C-alpha cells in the first residue's frame, strides 16, 4: 500500500508529445529539441508513422522547463500537444463531453 502512494506522487520525467505533423521523423523531432535548446533530454521515443512521441528527461525540473518551452513553440507550423506522460489517461472526452451514463433502471 505504501508503494502505491509513493508512485502516485512521483514527479514525472517523461513528456507526451501529440498532434505531431504527418510524416514526422525521429531525426526531425531531435532537431526540434535542439532548436528549442532543451536541456536534460535523455531520449526521444517515436514510432515511424505515428503522430505522437515521448521525451525521456533527466530530471523533473528539466521536464517542467521542456513542457513550458514546447507548449509555446510550433513544429513545422503545427501547435503540438504537450503533457506529462500518463496524464492523458485521466482526461475526459476530447470534445469536452462527459461519458454517457446508462438510463436508470426502474
PDB file of N, CA and C in Angstrom:
ATOM      1  N   UNK A   1       0.825  -1.190   0.000  1.00  0.00           N
ATOM      2  CA  UNK A   1       0.000   0.000   0.000  1.00  0.00           C
ATOM      3  C   UNK A   1       0.867   1.251   0.000  1.00  0.00           C
ATOM      4  N   UNK A   2       1.954   1.211   0.753  1.00  0.00           N
ATOM      5  CA  UNK A   2       2.839   2.363   0.827  1.00  0.00           C
ATOM      6  C   UNK A   2       3.457   2.652  -0.545  1.00  0.00           C
ATOM      7  N   UNK A   3       3.840   1.617  -1.279  1.00  0.00           N
ATOM      8  CA  UNK A   3       4.441   1.794  -2.591  1.00  0.00           C
ATOM      9  C   UNK A   3       3.483   2.494  -3.551  1.00  0.00           C
ATOM     10  N   UNK A   4       2.207   2.145  -3.509  1.00  0.00           N
ATOM     11  CA  UNK A   4       1.233   2.776  -4.399  1.00  0.00           C
ATOM     12  C   UNK A   4       1.150   4.269  -4.129  1.00  0.00           C
ATOM     13  N   UNK A   5       1.136   4.662  -2.886  1.00  0.00           N
ATOM     14  CA  UNK A   5       1.063   6.069  -2.527  1.00  0.00           C
ATOM     15  C   UNK A   5       2.278   6.824  -3.017  1.00  0.00           C
ATOM     16  N   UNK A   6       3.437   6.205  -2.904  1.00  0.00           N
ATOM     17  CA  UNK A   6       4.663   6.843  -3.370  1.00  0.00           C
ATOM     18  C   UNK A   6       4.650   6.984  -4.886  1.00  0.00           C
ATOM     19  N   UNK A   7       4.184   5.976  -5.585  1.00  0.00           N
ATOM     20  CA  UNK A   7       4.163   6.013  -7.047  1.00  0.00           C
ATOM     21  C   UNK A   7       3.245   7.120  -7.552  1.00  0.00           C
ATOM     22  N   UNK A   8       2.133   7.352  -6.860  1.00  0.00           N
ATOM     23  CA  UNK A   8       1.193   8.381  -7.292  1.00  0.00           C
ATOM     24  C   UNK A   8       1.799   9.770  -7.182  1.00  0.00           C
ATOM     25  N   UNK A   9       2.743   9.965  -6.267  1.00  0.00           N
ATOM     26  CA  UNK A   9       3.325  11.280  -6.048  1.00  0.00           C
ATOM     27  C   UNK A   9       4.669  11.438  -6.749  1.00  0.00           C
ATOM     28  N   UNK A  10       5.080  10.462  -7.525  1.00  0.00           N
ATOM     29  CA  UNK A  10       6.347  10.545  -8.239  1.00  0.00           C
ATOM     30  C   UNK A  10       6.274  11.674  -9.265  1.00  0.00           C
ATOM     31  N   UNK A  11       7.326  12.455  -9.315  1.00  0.00           N
ATOM     32  CA  UNK A  11       7.355  13.579 -10.247  1.00  0.00           C
ATOM     33  C   UNK A  11       7.708  13.056 -11.640  1.00  0.00           C
ATOM     34  N   UNK A  12       6.920  13.418 -12.646  1.00  0.00           N
ATOM     35  CA  UNK A  12       7.122  12.879 -13.994  1.00  0.00           C
ATOM     36  C   UNK A  12       8.439  13.335 -14.617  1.00  0.00           C
ATOM     37  N   UNK A  13       9.072  12.419 -15.320  1.00  0.00           N
ATOM     38  CA  UNK A  13      10.296  12.729 -16.047  1.00  0.00           C
ATOM     39  C   UNK A  13      10.158  12.317 -17.510  1.00  0.00           C
ATOM     40  N   UNK A  14       8.913  12.261 -17.972  1.00  0.00           N
ATOM     41  CA  UNK A  14       8.655  11.917 -19.366  1.00  0.00           C
ATOM     42  C   UNK A  14       7.503  12.778 -19.873  1.00  0.00           C
ATOM     43  N   UNK A  15       7.652  13.272 -21.102  1.00  0.00           N
ATOM     44  CA  UNK A  15       6.608  14.089 -21.716  1.00  0.00           C
ATOM     45  C   UNK A  15       5.987  13.355 -22.894  1.00  0.00           C
ATOM     46  N   UNK A  16       4.686  13.513 -23.036  1.00  0.00           N
ATOM     47  CA  UNK A  16       3.946  13.026 -24.196  1.00  0.00           C
ATOM     48  C   UNK A  16       3.819  14.196 -25.164  1.00  0.00           C
ATOM     49  N   UNK A  17       4.167  13.968 -26.423  1.00  0.00           N
ATOM     50  CA  UNK A  17       4.001  14.981 -27.469  1.00  0.00           C
ATOM     51  C   UNK A  17       2.981  14.452 -28.457  1.00  0.00           C
ATOM     52  N   UNK A  18       1.872  15.139 -28.607  1.00  0.00           N
ATOM     53  CA  UNK A  18       0.818  14.697 -29.518  1.00  0.00           C
ATOM     54  C   UNK A  18       0.559  15.724 -30.605  1.00  0.00           C
ATOM     55  N   UNK A  19      -0.290  15.350 -31.546  1.00  0.00           N
ATOM     56  CA  UNK A  19      -0.657  16.204 -32.675  1.00  0.00           C
ATOM     57  C   UNK A  19       0.570  16.580 -33.508  1.00  0.00           C
ATOM     58  N   UNK A  20       1.503  15.638 -33.650  1.00  0.00           N
ATOM     59  CA  UNK A  20       2.703  15.899 -34.441  1.00  0.00           C
ATOM     60  C   UNK A  20       2.349  15.942 -35.922  1.00  0.00           C
ATOM     61  N   UNK A  21       3.116  16.680 -36.715  1.00  0.00           N
ATOM     62  CA  UNK A  21       2.836  16.757 -38.152  1.00  0.00           C
ATOM     63  C   UNK A  21       2.918  15.375 -38.818  1.00  0.00           C
ATOM     64  N   UNK A  22       2.120  15.179 -39.868  1.00  0.00           N
ATOM     65  CA  UNK A  22       2.162  13.921 -40.627  1.00  0.00           C
ATOM     66  C   UNK A  22       3.568  13.698 -41.153  1.00  0.00           C
ATOM     67  N   UNK A  23       4.025  12.464 -41.107  1.00  0.00           N
ATOM     68  CA  UNK A  23       5.320  12.103 -41.679  1.00  0.00           C
ATOM     69  C   UNK A  23       6.523  12.542 -40.863  1.00  0.00           C
ATOM     70  N   UNK A  24       6.311  12.944 -39.622  1.00  0.00           N
ATOM     71  CA  UNK A  24       7.423  13.394 -38.782  1.00  0.00           C
ATOM     72  C   UNK A  24       8.384  12.231 -38.533  1.00  0.00           C
ATOM     73  N   UNK A  25       9.664  12.539 -38.454  1.00  0.00           N
ATOM     74  CA  UNK A  25      10.683  11.509 -38.186  1.00  0.00           C
ATOM     75  C   UNK A  25      11.332  11.781 -36.841  1.00  0.00           C
ATOM     76  N   UNK A  26      11.966  10.760 -36.285  1.00  0.00           N
ATOM     77  CA  UNK A  26      12.666  10.938 -35.010  1.00  0.00           C
ATOM     78  C   UNK A  26      13.817  11.934 -35.185  1.00  0.00           C
ATOM     79  N   UNK A  27      14.431  11.949 -36.359  1.00  0.00           N
ATOM     80  CA  UNK A  27      15.511  12.897 -36.617  1.00  0.00           C
ATOM     81  C   UNK A  27      14.990  14.341 -36.576  1.00  0.00           C
ATOM     82  N   UNK A  28      13.825  14.565 -37.154  1.00  0.00           N
ATOM     83  CA  UNK A  28      13.231  15.907 -37.143  1.00  0.00           C
ATOM     84  C   UNK A  28      12.836  16.300 -35.731  1.00  0.00           C
ATOM     85  N   UNK A  29      12.322  15.352 -34.957  1.00  0.00           N
ATOM     86  CA  UNK A  29      11.984  15.639 -33.559  1.00  0.00           C
ATOM     87  C   UNK A  29      13.236  15.994 -32.762  1.00  0.00           C
ATOM     88  N   UNK A  30      14.304  15.243 -32.979  1.00  0.00           N
ATOM     89  CA  UNK A  30      15.561  15.526 -32.280  1.00  0.00           C
ATOM     90  C   UNK A  30      16.084  16.912 -32.660  1.00  0.00           C
ATOM     91  N   UNK A  31      15.965  17.272 -33.931  1.00  0.00           N
ATOM     92  CA  UNK A  31      16.392  18.597 -34.381  1.00  0.00           C
ATOM     93  C   UNK A  31      15.543  19.685 -33.714  1.00  0.00           C
ATOM     94  N   UNK A  32      14.241  19.446 -33.593  1.00  0.00           N
ATOM     95  CA  UNK A  32      13.340  20.414 -32.942  1.00  0.00           C
ATOM     96  C   UNK A  32      13.737  20.604 -31.477  1.00  0.00           C
ATOM     97  N   UNK A  33      14.066  19.519 -30.806  1.00  0.00           N
ATOM     98  CA  UNK A  33      14.504  19.586 -29.411  1.00  0.00           C
ATOM     99  C   UNK A  33      15.757  20.458 -29.317  1.00  0.00           C
ATOM    100  N   UNK A  34      16.693  20.279 -30.241  1.00  0.00           N
ATOM    101  CA  UNK A  34      17.917  21.081 -30.240  1.00  0.00           C
ATOM    102  C   UNK A  34      17.612  22.550 -30.543  1.00  0.00           C
ATOM    103  N   UNK A  35      16.701  22.791 -31.502  1.00  0.00           N
ATOM    104  CA  UNK A  35      16.317  24.163 -31.855  1.00  0.00           C
ATOM    105  C   UNK A  35      15.691  24.884 -30.662  1.00  0.00           C
ATOM    106  N   UNK A  36      14.993  24.134 -29.816  1.00  0.00           N
ATOM    107  CA  UNK A  36      14.343  24.711 -28.634  1.00  0.00           C
ATOM    108  C   UNK A  36      15.320  24.869 -27.468  1.00  0.00           C
ATOM    109  N   UNK A  37      16.566  24.420 -27.651  1.00  0.00           N
ATOM    110  CA  UNK A  37      17.605  24.491 -26.612  1.00  0.00           C
ATOM    111  C   UNK A  37      17.163  23.815 -25.317  1.00  0.00           C
ATOM    112  N   UNK A  38      16.513  22.656 -25.446  1.00  0.00           N
ATOM    113  CA  UNK A  38      16.059  21.926 -24.264  1.00  0.00           C
ATOM    114  C   UNK A  38      17.238  21.211 -23.611  1.00  0.00           C
ATOM    115  N   UNK A  39      17.284  21.268 -22.291  1.00  0.00           N
ATOM    116  CA  UNK A  39      18.337  20.592 -21.542  1.00  0.00           C
ATOM    117  C   UNK A  39      17.769  19.354 -20.864  1.00  0.00           C
ATOM    118  N   UNK A  40      18.612  18.358 -20.683  1.00  0.00           N
ATOM    119  CA  UNK A  40      18.224  17.170 -19.929  1.00  0.00           C
ATOM    120  C   UNK A  40      17.384  16.168 -20.691  1.00  0.00           C
ATOM    121  N   UNK A  41      17.387  16.224 -22.030  1.00  0.00           N
ATOM    122  CA  UNK A  41      16.635  15.240 -22.807  1.00  0.00           C
ATOM    123  C   UNK A  41      17.500  13.984 -22.937  1.00  0.00           C
ATOM    124  N   UNK A  42      17.060  12.895 -22.307  1.00  0.00           N
ATOM    125  CA  UNK A  42      17.804  11.641 -22.376  1.00  0.00           C
ATOM    126  C   UNK A  42      17.527  10.900 -23.671  1.00  0.00           C
ATOM    127  N   UNK A  43      16.251  10.928 -24.116  1.00  0.00           N
ATOM    128  CA  UNK A  43      15.889  10.139 -25.284  1.00  0.00           C
ATOM    129  C   UNK A  43      14.610  10.665 -25.918  1.00  0.00           C
ATOM    130  N   UNK A  44      14.537  10.584 -27.245  1.00  0.00           N
ATOM    131  CA  UNK A  44      13.320  10.893 -27.993  1.00  0.00           C
ATOM    132  C   UNK A  44      12.771   9.559 -28.473  1.00  0.00           C
ATOM    133  N   UNK A  45      11.555   9.225 -28.065  1.00  0.00           N
ATOM    134  CA  UNK A  45      10.944   7.939 -28.407  1.00  0.00           C
ATOM    135  C   UNK A  45       9.807   8.171 -29.390  1.00  0.00           C
ATOM    136  N   UNK A  46       9.952   7.632 -30.600  1.00  0.00           N
ATOM    137  CA  UNK A  46       8.943   7.835 -31.634  1.00  0.00           C
ATOM    138  C   UNK A  46       8.889   6.619 -32.545  1.00  0.00           C
ATOM    139  N   UNK A  47       7.682   6.201 -32.888  1.00  0.00           N
ATOM    140  CA  UNK A  47       7.466   5.112 -33.836  1.00  0.00           C
ATOM    141  C   UNK A  47       7.101   5.724 -35.179  1.00  0.00           C
ATOM    142  N   UNK A  48       7.837   5.398 -36.255  1.00  0.00           N
ATOM    143  CA  UNK A  48       7.531   5.966 -37.573  1.00  0.00           C
ATOM    144  C   UNK A  48       6.062   5.772 -37.945  1.00  0.00           C
ATOM    145  N   UNK A  49       5.480   6.818 -38.511  1.00  0.00           N
ATOM    146  CA  UNK A  49       4.083   6.764 -38.934  1.00  0.00           C
ATOM    147  C   UNK A  49       3.099   7.211 -37.866  1.00  0.00           C
ATOM    148  N   UNK A  50       3.557   7.339 -36.639  1.00  0.00           N
ATOM    149  CA  UNK A  50       2.677   7.774 -35.543  1.00  0.00           C
ATOM    150  C   UNK A  50       2.785   9.280 -35.362  1.00  0.00           C
ATOM    151  N   UNK A  51       1.698   9.898 -34.894  1.00  0.00           N
ATOM    152  CA  UNK A  51       1.668  11.348 -34.702  1.00  0.00           C
ATOM    153  C   UNK A  51       1.833  11.717 -33.235  1.00  0.00           C
ATOM    154  N   UNK A  52       2.568  10.873 -32.499  1.00  0.00           N
ATOM    155  CA  UNK A  52       2.895  11.174 -31.112  1.00  0.00           C
ATOM    156  C   UNK A  52       4.293  10.650 -30.810  1.00  0.00           C
ATOM    157  N   UNK A  53       4.872  11.164 -29.738  1.00  0.00           N
ATOM    158  CA  UNK A  53       6.197  10.737 -29.309  1.00  0.00           C
ATOM    159  C   UNK A  53       6.320  10.991 -27.814  1.00  0.00           C
ATOM    160  N   UNK A  54       7.416  10.527 -27.248  1.00  0.00           N
ATOM    161  CA  UNK A  54       7.707  10.757 -25.840  1.00  0.00           C
ATOM    162  C   UNK A  54       9.118  11.300 -25.717  1.00  0.00           C
ATOM    163  N   UNK A  55       9.326  12.179 -24.741  1.00  0.00           N
ATOM    164  CA  UNK A  55      10.660  12.641 -24.392  1.00  0.00           C
ATOM    165  C   UNK A  55      10.967  12.114 -22.998  1.00  0.00           C
ATOM    166  N   UNK A  56      12.053  11.367 -22.863  1.00  0.00           N
ATOM    167  CA  UNK A  56      12.527  10.926 -21.550  1.00  0.00           C
ATOM    168  C   UNK A  56      13.521  11.976 -21.071  1.00  0.00           C
ATOM    169  N   UNK A  57      13.277  12.508 -19.879  1.00  0.00           N
ATOM    170  CA  UNK A  57      14.067  13.616 -19.361  1.00  0.00           C
ATOM    171  C   UNK A  57      14.944  13.169 -18.193  1.00  0.00           C
ATOM    172  N   UNK A  58      16.013  13.923 -17.945  1.00  0.00           N
ATOM    173  CA  UNK A  58      16.961  13.580 -16.879  1.00  0.00           C
ATOM    174  C   UNK A  58      16.413  13.889 -15.487  1.00  0.00           C
ATOM    175  N   UNK A  59      15.579  14.937 -15.379  1.00  0.00           N
ATOM    176  CA  UNK A  59      15.069  15.324 -14.062  1.00  0.00           C
ATOM    177  C   UNK A  59      13.678  15.940 -14.194  1.00  0.00           C
ATOM    178  N   UNK A  60      13.021  16.067 -13.057  1.00  0.00           N
ATOM    179  CA  UNK A  60      11.697  16.682 -13.040  1.00  0.00           C
ATOM    180  C   UNK A  60      11.788  18.159 -13.443  1.00  0.00           C
ATOM    181  N   UNK A  61      12.808  18.868 -12.983  1.00  0.00           N
ATOM    182  CA  UNK A  61      12.928  20.287 -13.339  1.00  0.00           C
ATOM    183  C   UNK A  61      13.161  20.450 -14.839  1.00  0.00           C
ATOM    184  N   UNK A  62      13.948  19.548 -15.457  1.00  0.00           N
ATOM    185  CA  UNK A  62      14.130  19.586 -16.914  1.00  0.00           C
ATOM    186  C   UNK A  62      12.804  19.318 -17.621  1.00  0.00           C
ATOM    187  N   UNK A  63      12.002  18.426 -17.057  1.00  0.00           N
ATOM    188  CA  UNK A  63      10.699  18.088 -17.634  1.00  0.00           C
ATOM    189  C   UNK A  63       9.779  19.313 -17.624  1.00  0.00           C
ATOM    190  N   UNK A  64       9.742  20.019 -16.496  1.00  0.00           N
ATOM    191  CA  UNK A  64       8.903  21.226 -16.388  1.00  0.00           C
ATOM    192  C   UNK A  64       9.324  22.288 -17.393  1.00  0.00           C
ATOM    193  N   UNK A  65      10.627  22.526 -17.494  1.00  0.00           N
ATOM    194  CA  UNK A  65      11.126  23.543 -18.427  1.00  0.00           C
ATOM    195  C   UNK A  65      10.813  23.158 -19.866  1.00  0.00           C
ATOM    196  N   UNK A  66      11.049  21.905 -20.199  1.00  0.00           N
ATOM    197  CA  UNK A  66      10.790  21.436 -21.572  1.00  0.00           C
ATOM    198  C   UNK A  66       9.311  21.568 -21.913  1.00  0.00           C
ATOM    199  N   UNK A  67       8.430  21.221 -20.981  1.00  0.00           N
ATOM    200  CA  UNK A  67       6.986  21.317 -21.215  1.00  0.00           C
ATOM    201  C   UNK A  67       6.612  22.768 -21.525  1.00  0.00           C
ATOM    202  N   UNK A  68       7.122  23.685 -20.736  1.00  0.00           N
ATOM    203  CA  UNK A  68       6.803  25.104 -20.928  1.00  0.00           C
ATOM    204  C   UNK A  68       7.300  25.602 -22.288  1.00  0.00           C
ATOM    205  N   UNK A  69       8.524  25.260 -22.650  1.00  0.00           N
ATOM    206  CA  UNK A  69       9.093  25.707 -23.925  1.00  0.00           C
ATOM    207  C   UNK A  69       8.334  25.105 -25.101  1.00  0.00           C
ATOM    208  N   UNK A  70       8.087  23.796 -25.061  1.00  0.00           N
ATOM    209  CA  UNK A  70       7.439  23.114 -26.184  1.00  0.00           C
ATOM    210  C   UNK A  70       5.999  23.587 -26.392  1.00  0.00           C
ATOM    211  N   UNK A  71       5.308  23.942 -25.308  1.00  0.00           N
ATOM    212  CA  UNK A  71       3.930  24.427 -25.431  1.00  0.00           C
ATOM    213  C   UNK A  71       3.867  25.740 -26.196  1.00  0.00           C
ATOM    214  N   UNK A  72       4.944  26.508 -26.167  1.00  0.00           N
ATOM    215  CA  UNK A  72       4.964  27.822 -26.816  1.00  0.00           C
ATOM    216  C   UNK A  72       5.505  27.775 -28.238  1.00  0.00           C
ATOM    217  N   UNK A  73       6.037  26.624 -28.654  1.00  0.00           N
ATOM    218  CA  UNK A  73       6.672  26.519 -29.971  1.00  0.00           C
ATOM    219  C   UNK A  73       5.804  25.711 -30.923  1.00  0.00           C
ATOM    220  N   UNK A  74       5.993  25.962 -32.219  1.00  0.00           N
ATOM    221  CA  UNK A  74       5.305  25.197 -33.253  1.00  0.00           C
ATOM    222  C   UNK A  74       6.325  24.301 -33.940  1.00  0.00           C
ATOM    223  N   UNK A  75       5.877  23.165 -34.397  1.00  0.00           N
ATOM    224  CA  UNK A  75       6.724  22.225 -35.122  1.00  0.00           C
ATOM    225  C   UNK A  75       6.175  22.105 -36.530  1.00  0.00           C
ATOM    226  N   UNK A  76       6.935  22.597 -37.495  1.00  0.00           N
ATOM    227  CA  UNK A  76       6.502  22.608 -38.894  1.00  0.00           C
ATOM    228  C   UNK A  76       5.118  23.257 -39.039  1.00  0.00           C
ATOM    229  N   UNK A  77       4.919  24.351 -38.310  1.00  0.00           N
ATOM    230  CA  UNK A  77       3.679  25.112 -38.396  1.00  0.00           C
ATOM    231  C   UNK A  77       2.528  24.568 -37.573  1.00  0.00           C
ATOM    232  N   UNK A  78       2.772  23.518 -36.817  1.00  0.00           N
ATOM    233  CA  UNK A  78       1.710  22.863 -36.039  1.00  0.00           C
ATOM    234  C   UNK A  78       1.940  23.084 -34.545  1.00  0.00           C
ATOM    235  N   UNK A  79       0.880  23.448 -33.820  1.00  0.00           N
ATOM    236  CA  UNK A  79       0.952  23.512 -32.362  1.00  0.00           C
ATOM    237  C   UNK A  79       0.849  22.083 -31.841  1.00  0.00           C
ATOM    238  N   UNK A  80       1.868  21.643 -31.142  1.00  0.00           N
ATOM    239  CA  UNK A  80       1.834  20.273 -30.634  1.00  0.00           C
ATOM    240  C   UNK A  80       1.251  20.245 -29.227  1.00  0.00           C
ATOM    241  N   UNK A  81       0.700  19.120 -28.886  1.00  0.00           N
ATOM    242  CA  UNK A  81       0.112  18.909 -27.561  1.00  0.00           C
ATOM    243  C   UNK A  81       1.219  18.365 -26.657  1.00  0.00           C
ATOM    244  N   UNK A  82       1.430  18.995 -25.519  1.00  0.00           N
ATOM    245  CA  UNK A  82       2.495  18.578 -24.604  1.00  0.00           C
ATOM    246  C   UNK A  82       1.878  18.302 -23.236  1.00  0.00           C
ATOM    247  N   UNK A  83       2.068  17.080 -22.746  1.00  0.00           N
ATOM    248  CA  UNK A  83       1.534  16.692 -21.438  1.00  0.00           C
ATOM    249  C   UNK A  83       2.546  15.822 -20.727  1.00  0.00           C
ATOM    250  N   UNK A  84       2.427  15.758 -19.408  1.00  0.00           N
ATOM    251  CA  UNK A  84       3.223  14.783 -18.681  1.00  0.00           C
ATOM    252  C   UNK A  84       2.729  13.401 -19.093  1.00  0.00           C
ATOM    253  N   UNK A  85       3.642  12.492 -19.398  1.00  0.00           N
ATOM    254  CA  UNK A  85       3.248  11.149 -19.836  1.00  0.00           C
ATOM    255  C   UNK A  85       2.408  10.495 -18.750  1.00  0.00           C
ATOM    256  N   UNK A  86       1.292   9.881 -19.165  1.00  0.00           N
ATOM    257  CA  UNK A  86       0.379   9.246 -18.224  1.00  0.00           C
ATOM    258  C   UNK A  86      -0.786  10.146 -17.865  1.00  0.00           C
ATOM    259  N   UNK A  87      -0.605  11.466 -17.926  1.00  0.00           N
ATOM    260  CA  UNK A  87      -1.641  12.433 -17.577  1.00  0.00           C
ATOM    261  C   UNK A  87      -2.852  12.293 -18.491  1.00  0.00           C
ATOM    262  N   UNK A  88      -2.612  12.019 -19.760  1.00  0.00           N
ATOM    263  CA  UNK A  88      -3.699  11.967 -20.732  1.00  0.00           C
ATOM    264  C   UNK A  88      -4.664  10.816 -20.484  1.00  0.00           C
ATOM    265  N   UNK A  89      -4.242   9.810 -19.732  1.00  0.00           N
ATOM    266  CA  UNK A  89      -5.118   8.678 -19.449  1.00  0.00           C
ATOM    267  C   UNK A  89      -6.280   9.076 -18.548  1.00  0.00           C
ATOM    268  N   UNK A  90      -6.129  10.202 -17.856  1.00  0.00           N
ATOM    269  CA  UNK A  90      -7.159  10.621 -16.900  1.00  0.00           C
ATOM    270  C   UNK A  90      -8.039  11.735 -17.425  1.00  0.00           C
ATOM    271  N   UNK A  91      -7.818  12.154 -18.657  1.00  0.00           N
ATOM    272  CA  UNK A  91      -8.614  13.248 -19.222  1.00  0.00           C
ATOM    273  C   UNK A  91     -10.004  12.772 -19.630  1.00  0.00           C
ATOM    274  N   UNK A  92     -10.912  13.712 -19.700  1.00  0.00           N
ATOM    275  CA  UNK A  92     -12.257  13.414 -20.178  1.00  0.00           C
ATOM    276  C   UNK A  92     -12.252  13.343 -21.691  1.00  0.00           C
ATOM    277  N   UNK A  93     -13.380  13.097 -22.258  1.00  0.00           N
ATOM    278  CA  UNK A  93     -13.544  13.050 -23.700  1.00  0.00           C
ATOM    279  C   UNK A  93     -12.962  14.313 -24.324  1.00  0.00           C
ATOM    280  N   UNK A  94     -12.173  14.192 -25.418  1.00  0.00           N
ATOM    281  CA  UNK A  94     -11.536  15.367 -26.011  1.00  0.00           C
ATOM    282  C   UNK A  94     -12.525  16.417 -26.518  1.00  0.00           C
ATOM    283  N   UNK A  95     -13.765  16.035 -26.767  1.00  0.00           N
ATOM    284  CA  UNK A  95     -14.771  17.004 -27.210  1.00  0.00           C
ATOM    285  C   UNK A  95     -15.356  17.762 -26.025  1.00  0.00           C
ATOM    286  N   UNK A  96     -14.877  17.435 -24.825  1.00  0.00           N
ATOM    287  CA  UNK A  96     -15.359  18.122 -23.638  1.00  0.00           C
ATOM    288  C   UNK A  96     -16.654  17.545 -23.100  1.00  0.00           C
ATOM    289  N   UNK A  97     -17.053  16.400 -23.613  1.00  0.00           N
ATOM    290  CA  UNK A  97     -18.300  15.784 -23.171  1.00  0.00           C
ATOM    291  C   UNK A  97     -18.012  14.730 -22.116  1.00  0.00           C
ATOM    292  N   UNK A  98     -18.888  14.638 -21.161  1.00  0.00           N
ATOM    293  CA  UNK A  98     -18.771  13.579 -20.161  1.00  0.00           C
ATOM    294  C   UNK A  98     -19.289  12.286 -20.777  1.00  0.00           C
ATOM    295  N   UNK A  99     -18.756  11.147 -20.369  1.00  0.00           N
ATOM    296  CA  UNK A  99     -19.273   9.887 -20.898  1.00  0.00           C
ATOM    297  C   UNK A  99     -20.752   9.720 -20.551  1.00  0.00           C
ATOM    298  N   UNK A 100     -21.495   9.169 -21.480  1.00  0.00           N
ATOM    299  CA  UNK A 100     -22.927   8.973 -21.263  1.00  0.00           C
ATOM    300  C   UNK A 100     -23.158   7.897 -20.219  1.00  0.00           C
ATOM    301  N   UNK A 101     -24.081   8.146 -19.318  1.00  0.00           N
ATOM    302  CA  UNK A 101     -24.429   7.159 -18.300  1.00  0.00           C
ATOM    303  C   UNK A 101     -25.636   6.360 -18.797  1.00  0.00           C
ATOM    304  N   UNK A 102     -25.693   5.087 -18.411  1.00  0.00           N
ATOM    305  CA  UNK A 102     -26.868   4.315 -18.824  1.00  0.00           C
ATOM    306  C   UNK A 102     -28.112   4.854 -18.120  1.00  0.00           C
ATOM    307  N   UNK A 103     -29.284   4.710 -18.741  1.00  0.00           N
ATOM    308  CA  UNK A 103     -30.508   5.204 -18.098  1.00  0.00           C
ATOM    309  C   UNK A 103     -30.754   4.471 -16.791  1.00  0.00           C
ATOM    310  N   UNK A 104     -31.321   5.147 -15.817  1.00  0.00           N
ATOM    311  CA  UNK A 104     -31.592   4.486 -14.520  1.00  0.00           C
ATOM    312  C   UNK A 104     -32.572   3.334 -14.705  1.00  0.00           C
ATOM    313  N   UNK A 105     -32.320   2.266 -13.948  1.00  0.00           N
ATOM    314  CA  UNK A 105     -33.226   1.111 -14.028  1.00  0.00           C
ATOM    315  C   UNK A 105     -34.389   1.323 -13.076  1.00  0.00           C
ATOM    316  N   UNK A 106     -35.579   0.862 -13.522  1.00  0.00           N
ATOM    317  CA  UNK A 106     -36.768   1.051 -12.675  1.00  0.00           C
ATOM    318  C   UNK A 106     -37.265  -0.260 -12.179  1.00  0.00           C
TER     319      UNK A 106
END
